[in-house]
Amino acid sequence: MRILLAIDDSDFSEAATQAVLSAVRPEGTEVLVAHVLEAPAYGAIPEMGVRYGTELTARFEEEEKQANQCVTKAAEQLRRGGLRTDTRVVEGEARTGILSLAEEWRADLIVAGSHGRKGLERFLLGSVTEYLSRHARCSVWIVRIPPGRSEGSTRRGPEREARASKD
């Protein structure tokens, strides 16, 4: 079985990774841990000047570095669980990027968290999972955070630490 695990750095992606670990048997299973990185809109507002483009480039490079760290961390967890795993960070729109990658890689199953990130981004990424469920040629497993585990309980890193220190 070929499983495409589509993740970001959200609690829901952590839940999806854990669901794969607990439900999938390693024999004959390959997992591709993927993150679709949405490119900044370069040149959208020329009046903002050259510095704006430089800042966008630096921000995109930082997001790319975080995306690579995210997929690497998830892949390491899956490998420790005995699963054959590879990683990929691709650039594009999340919903079409995931579907394209699933087609290209010939995935039998796409696994994704029910939501992602926070605020408006969560709403938009939640619509990504709905889009996947309607348009994927393979099966789609949408993972929710288990009852009793609050959102924010699995996120690690500077954002969660900063949030915890404010409480």
C-alpha atoms as a PDB file:
ATOM      1  CA  MET A   1       0.000   0.000   0.000  1.00  0.00           C
ATOM      2  CA  ARG A   2       1.201   3.496  -0.861  1.00  0.00           C
ATOM      3  CA  ILE A   3       0.078   6.187   1.585  1.00  0.00           C
ATOM      4  CA  LEU A   4       0.485   9.909   0.976  1.00  0.00           C
ATOM      5  CA  LEU A   5       0.494  11.658   4.355  1.00  0.00           C
ATOM      6  CA  ALA A   6      -0.215  15.343   3.673  1.00  0.00           C
ATOM      7  CA  ILE A   7       0.894  17.490   6.605  1.00  0.00           C
ATOM      8  CA  ASP A   8       1.584  20.996   7.798  1.00  0.00           C
ATOM      9  CA  ASP A   9       2.728  21.968  11.293  1.00  0.00           C
ATOM     10  CA  SER A  10      -0.735  21.723  12.889  1.00  0.00           C
ATOM     11  CA  ASP A  11      -2.041  19.571  15.701  1.00  0.00           C
ATOM     12  CA  PHE A  12      -4.291  17.854  13.169  1.00  0.00           C
ATOM     13  CA  SER A  13      -1.266  16.791  11.123  1.00  0.00           C
ATOM     14  CA  GLU A  14       0.331  15.354  14.259  1.00  0.00           C
ATOM     15  CA  ALA A  15      -2.897  13.411  14.856  1.00  0.00           C
ATOM     16  CA  ALA A  16      -2.798  12.144  11.250  1.00  0.00           C
ATOM     17  CA  THR A  17       0.804  10.982  11.697  1.00  0.00           C
ATOM     18  CA  GLN A  18      -0.111   9.175  14.916  1.00  0.00           C
ATOM     19  CA  ALA A  19      -3.156   7.602  13.233  1.00  0.00           C
ATOM     20  CA  VAL A  20      -0.958   6.166  10.477  1.00  0.00           C
ATOM     21  CA  LEU A  21       1.439   4.815  13.095  1.00  0.00           C
ATOM     22  CA  SER A  22      -1.306   3.117  15.080  1.00  0.00           C
ATOM     23  CA  ALA A  23      -3.457   1.781  12.242  1.00  0.00           C
ATOM     24  CA  VAL A  24      -1.092   0.793   9.432  1.00  0.00           C
ATOM     25  CA  ARG A  25       0.855  -2.422   9.297  1.00  0.00           C
ATOM     26  CA  PRO A  26       4.417  -1.865   8.078  1.00  0.00           C
ATOM     27  CA  GLU A  27       4.637  -4.928   5.827  1.00  0.00           C
ATOM     28  CA  GLY A  28       4.526  -3.758   2.221  1.00  0.00           C
ATOM     29  CA  THR A  29       3.539  -0.193   3.133  1.00  0.00           C
ATOM     30  CA  GLU A  30       5.273   2.894   1.794  1.00  0.00           C
ATOM     31  CA  VAL A  31       4.502   6.338   3.179  1.00  0.00           C
ATOM     32  CA  LEU A  32       5.289   9.586   1.421  1.00  0.00           C
ATOM     33  CA  VAL A  33       5.188  12.451   3.918  1.00  0.00           C
ATOM     34  CA  ALA A  34       4.430  15.596   1.950  1.00  0.00           C
ATOM     35  CA  HIS A  35       3.947  19.293   2.527  1.00  0.00           C
ATOM     36  CA  VAL A  36       2.686  21.678  -0.138  1.00  0.00           C
ATOM     37  CA  LEU A  37       4.308  25.062   0.197  1.00  0.00           C
ATOM     38  CA  GLU A  38       2.290  27.901  -1.238  1.00  0.00           C
ATOM     39  CA  ALA A  39       4.549  30.372  -3.024  1.00  0.00           C
ATOM     40  CA  PRO A  40       4.287  34.084  -2.264  1.00  0.00           C
ATOM     41  CA  ALA A  41       2.708  36.331  -4.838  1.00  0.00           C
ATOM     42  CA  TYR A  42       5.830  38.013  -6.204  1.00  0.00           C
ATOM     43  CA  GLY A  43       5.263  41.300  -7.935  1.00  0.00           C
ATOM     44  CA  ALA A  44       1.630  41.494  -6.866  1.00  0.00           C
ATOM     45  CA  ILE A  45       2.019  45.138  -5.847  1.00  0.00           C
ATOM     46  CA  PRO A  46       4.954  46.717  -7.727  1.00  0.00           C
ATOM     47  CA  GLU A  47       4.568  50.000  -5.831  1.00  0.00           C
ATOM     48  CA  MET A  48       5.874  48.280  -2.695  1.00  0.00           C
ATOM     49  CA  GLY A  49       9.367  48.203  -4.162  1.00  0.00           C
ATOM     50  CA  VAL A  50      12.309  45.856  -4.325  1.00  0.00           C
ATOM     51  CA  ARG A  51      12.598  45.458  -0.568  1.00  0.00           C
ATOM     52  CA  TYR A  52       9.152  43.886  -0.444  1.00  0.00           C
ATOM     53  CA  GLY A  53      10.262  41.175  -2.895  1.00  0.00           C
ATOM     54  CA  THR A  54      13.403  40.522  -0.851  1.00  0.00           C
ATOM     55  CA  GLU A  55      11.338  40.165   2.329  1.00  0.00           C
ATOM     56  CA  LEU A  56       8.950  37.781   0.582  1.00  0.00           C
ATOM     57  CA  THR A  57      11.873  35.675  -0.636  1.00  0.00           C
ATOM     58  CA  ALA A  58      13.368  35.489   2.862  1.00  0.00           C
ATOM     59  CA  ARG A  59       9.989  34.583   4.340  1.00  0.00           C
ATOM     60  CA  PHE A  60       9.418  31.877   1.720  1.00  0.00           C
ATOM     61  CA  GLU A  61      12.867  30.408   2.374  1.00  0.00           C
ATOM     62  CA  GLU A  62      12.096  30.263   6.110  1.00  0.00           C
ATOM     63  CA  GLU A  63       8.736  28.586   5.408  1.00  0.00           C
ATOM     64  CA  GLU A  64      10.503  26.084   3.152  1.00  0.00           C
ATOM     65  CA  LYS A  65      13.020  25.306   5.909  1.00  0.00           C
ATOM     66  CA  GLN A  66      10.181  24.780   8.419  1.00  0.00           C
ATOM     67  CA  ALA A  67       8.292  22.583   5.945  1.00  0.00           C
ATOM     68  CA  ASN A  68      11.363  20.378   5.472  1.00  0.00           C
ATOM     69  CA  GLN A  69      11.792  20.100   9.246  1.00  0.00           C
ATOM     70  CA  CYS A  70       8.111  19.202   9.591  1.00  0.00           C
ATOM     71  CA  VAL A  71       8.174  16.359   7.043  1.00  0.00           C
ATOM     72  CA  THR A  72      11.514  15.091   8.355  1.00  0.00           C
ATOM     73  CA  LYS A  73      10.179  14.896  11.914  1.00  0.00           C
ATOM     74  CA  ALA A  74       7.050  13.018  10.838  1.00  0.00           C
ATOM     75  CA  ALA A  75       9.077  10.645   8.648  1.00  0.00           C
ATOM     76  CA  GLU A  76      11.401   9.865  11.553  1.00  0.00           C
ATOM     77  CA  GLN A  77       8.404   8.958  13.739  1.00  0.00           C
ATOM     78  CA  LEU A  78       7.046   6.683  11.023  1.00  0.00           C
ATOM     79  CA  ARG A  79      10.431   5.031  10.447  1.00  0.00           C
ATOM     80  CA  ARG A  80      10.727   4.303  14.168  1.00  0.00           C
ATOM     81  CA  GLY A  81       7.350   2.584  13.802  1.00  0.00           C
ATOM     82  CA  GLY A  82       8.793   0.338  11.098  1.00  0.00           C
ATOM     83  CA  LEU A  83       7.302   2.073   8.051  1.00  0.00           C
ATOM     84  CA  ARG A  84       9.255   2.650   4.851  1.00  0.00           C
ATOM     85  CA  THR A  85       9.089   6.416   4.449  1.00  0.00           C
ATOM     86  CA  ASP A  86      10.161   9.180   2.109  1.00  0.00           C
ATOM     87  CA  THR A  87       9.559  12.938   2.212  1.00  0.00           C
ATOM     88  CA  ARG A  88       8.728  15.639  -0.255  1.00  0.00           C
ATOM     89  CA  VAL A  89       8.072  19.368  -0.082  1.00  0.00           C
ATOM     90  CA  VAL A  90       6.456  20.720  -3.231  1.00  0.00           C
ATOM     91  CA  GLU A  91       5.404  24.184  -4.247  1.00  0.00           C
ATOM     92  CA  GLY A  92       1.851  24.938  -5.321  1.00  0.00           C
ATOM     93  CA  GLU A  93      -1.708  25.340  -4.122  1.00  0.00           C
ATOM     94  CA  ALA A  94      -2.353  22.925  -1.247  1.00  0.00           C
ATOM     95  CA  ARG A  95      -5.376  21.071  -2.567  1.00  0.00           C
ATOM     96  CA  THR A  96      -4.234  20.667  -6.163  1.00  0.00           C
ATOM     97  CA  GLY A  97      -0.635  20.055  -5.096  1.00  0.00           C
ATOM     98  CA  ILE A  98      -1.669  17.138  -2.883  1.00  0.00           C
ATOM     99  CA  LEU A  99      -3.833  15.623  -5.618  1.00  0.00           C
ATOM    100  CA  SER A 100      -1.110  16.012  -8.231  1.00  0.00           C
ATOM    101  CA  LEU A 101       1.443  14.397  -5.962  1.00  0.00           C
ATOM    102  CA  ALA A 102      -0.963  11.541  -5.166  1.00  0.00           C
ATOM    103  CA  GLU A 103      -1.492  10.942  -8.883  1.00  0.00           C
ATOM    104  CA  GLU A 104       2.211  11.176  -9.742  1.00  0.00           C
ATOM    105  CA  TRP A 105       3.250   8.885  -6.885  1.00  0.00           C
ATOM    106  CA  ARG A 106       0.268   6.535  -7.474  1.00  0.00           C
ATOM    107  CA  ALA A 107      -0.979   6.710  -3.898  1.00  0.00           C
ATOM    108  CA  ASP A 108      -3.562   4.165  -2.734  1.00  0.00           C
ATOM    109  CA  LEU A 109      -4.594   6.381   0.179  1.00  0.00           C
ATOM    110  CA  ILE A 110      -4.258  10.027   1.166  1.00  0.00           C
ATOM    111  CA  VAL A 111      -4.179  10.752   4.896  1.00  0.00           C
ATOM    112  CA  ALA A 112      -4.672  14.319   6.107  1.00  0.00           C
ATOM    113  CA  GLY A 113      -5.744  16.145   9.232  1.00  0.00           C
ATOM    114  CA  SER A 114      -9.249  17.574   9.235  1.00  0.00           C
ATOM    115  CA  HIS A 115      -7.962  21.122   9.660  1.00  0.00           C
ATOM    116  CA  GLY A 116      -4.664  22.951   9.662  1.00  0.00           C
ATOM    117  CA  ARG A 117      -2.930  25.807  11.364  1.00  0.00           C
ATOM    118  CA  LYS A 118      -5.252  28.450  12.864  1.00  0.00           C
ATOM    119  CA  GLY A 119      -7.887  31.109  12.207  1.00  0.00           C
ATOM    120  CA  LEU A 120      -8.651  31.804   8.546  1.00  0.00           C
ATOM    121  CA  GLU A 121      -5.868  29.418   7.526  1.00  0.00           C
ATOM    122  CA  ARG A 122      -7.653  26.614   9.417  1.00  0.00           C
ATOM    123  CA  PHE A 123     -10.869  27.353   7.548  1.00  0.00           C
ATOM    124  CA  LEU A 124      -9.068  27.363   4.214  1.00  0.00           C
ATOM    125  CA  LEU A 125      -7.075  24.214   4.939  1.00  0.00           C
ATOM    126  CA  GLY A 126     -10.236  22.521   6.240  1.00  0.00           C
ATOM    127  CA  SER A 127     -11.620  23.151   2.777  1.00  0.00           C
ATOM    128  CA  VAL A 128      -8.525  21.399   1.402  1.00  0.00           C
ATOM    129  CA  THR A 129      -9.560  18.149   3.068  1.00  0.00           C
ATOM    130  CA  GLU A 130     -13.089  18.540   1.748  1.00  0.00           C
ATOM    131  CA  TYR A 131     -11.670  19.096  -1.742  1.00  0.00           C
ATOM    132  CA  LEU A 132      -9.479  16.012  -1.400  1.00  0.00           C
ATOM    133  CA  SER A 133     -12.421  13.881  -0.331  1.00  0.00           C
ATOM    134  CA  ARG A 134     -14.409  14.976  -3.379  1.00  0.00           C
ATOM    135  CA  HIS A 135     -11.713  14.907  -6.072  1.00  0.00           C
ATOM    136  CA  ALA A 136      -9.075  12.294  -5.177  1.00  0.00           C
ATOM    137  CA  ARG A 137      -8.974   9.179  -7.323  1.00  0.00           C
ATOM    138  CA  CYS A 138      -7.867   7.124  -4.336  1.00  0.00           C
ATOM    139  CA  SER A 139      -9.344   6.781  -0.861  1.00  0.00           C
ATOM    140  CA  VAL A 140      -8.939   9.664   1.586  1.00  0.00           C
ATOM    141  CA  TRP A 141      -8.689   9.287   5.353  1.00  0.00           C
ATOM    142  CA  ILE A 142      -9.435  12.528   7.188  1.00  0.00           C
ATOM    143  CA  VAL A 143      -8.135  12.415  10.745  1.00  0.00           C
ATOM    144  CA  ARG A 144      -9.590  14.488  13.563  1.00  0.00           C
ATOM    145  CA  ILE A 145      -8.029  15.197  16.924  1.00  0.00           C
ATOM    146  CA  PRO A 146      -9.271  12.472  19.285  1.00  0.00           C
ATOM    147  CA  PRO A 147     -11.918  13.504  21.846  1.00  0.00           C
ATOM    148  CA  GLY A 148     -10.439  14.565  25.144  1.00  0.00           C
ATOM    149  CA  ARG A 149      -7.236  15.874  23.612  1.00  0.00           C
ATOM    150  CA  SER A 150      -7.411  19.603  23.253  1.00  0.00           C
ATOM    151  CA  GLU A 151      -6.136  21.380  20.194  1.00  0.00           C
ATOM    152  CA  GLY A 152      -2.723  22.818  20.940  1.00  0.00           C
ATOM    153  CA  SER A 153      -1.691  19.844  23.052  1.00  0.00           C
ATOM    154  CA  THR A 154       0.523  18.297  20.384  1.00  0.00           C
ATOM    155  CA  ARG A 155       2.186  21.299  18.769  1.00  0.00           C
ATOM    156  CA  ARG A 156       5.827  21.740  19.542  1.00  0.00           C
ATOM    157  CA  GLY A 157       8.123  24.553  18.653  1.00  0.00           C
ATOM    158  CA  PRO A 158       8.449  28.275  19.238  1.00  0.00           C
ATOM    159  CA  GLU A 159       4.815  29.183  18.547  1.00  0.00           C
ATOM    160  CA  ARG A 160       3.454  26.732  21.120  1.00  0.00           C
ATOM    161  CA  GLU A 161       6.144  27.666  23.625  1.00  0.00           C
ATOM    162  CA  ALA A 162       5.302  31.330  23.207  1.00  0.00           C
ATOM    163  CA  ARG A 163       1.600  30.579  23.633  1.00  0.00           C
ATOM    164  CA  ALA A 164       2.297  28.507  26.764  1.00  0.00           C
ATOM    165  CA  SER A 165       4.441  31.232  28.314  1.00  0.00           C
ATOM    166  CA  LYS A 166       1.612  33.764  27.851  1.00  0.00           C
ATOM    167  CA  ASP A 167      -0.869  31.585  29.774  1.00  0.00           C
END
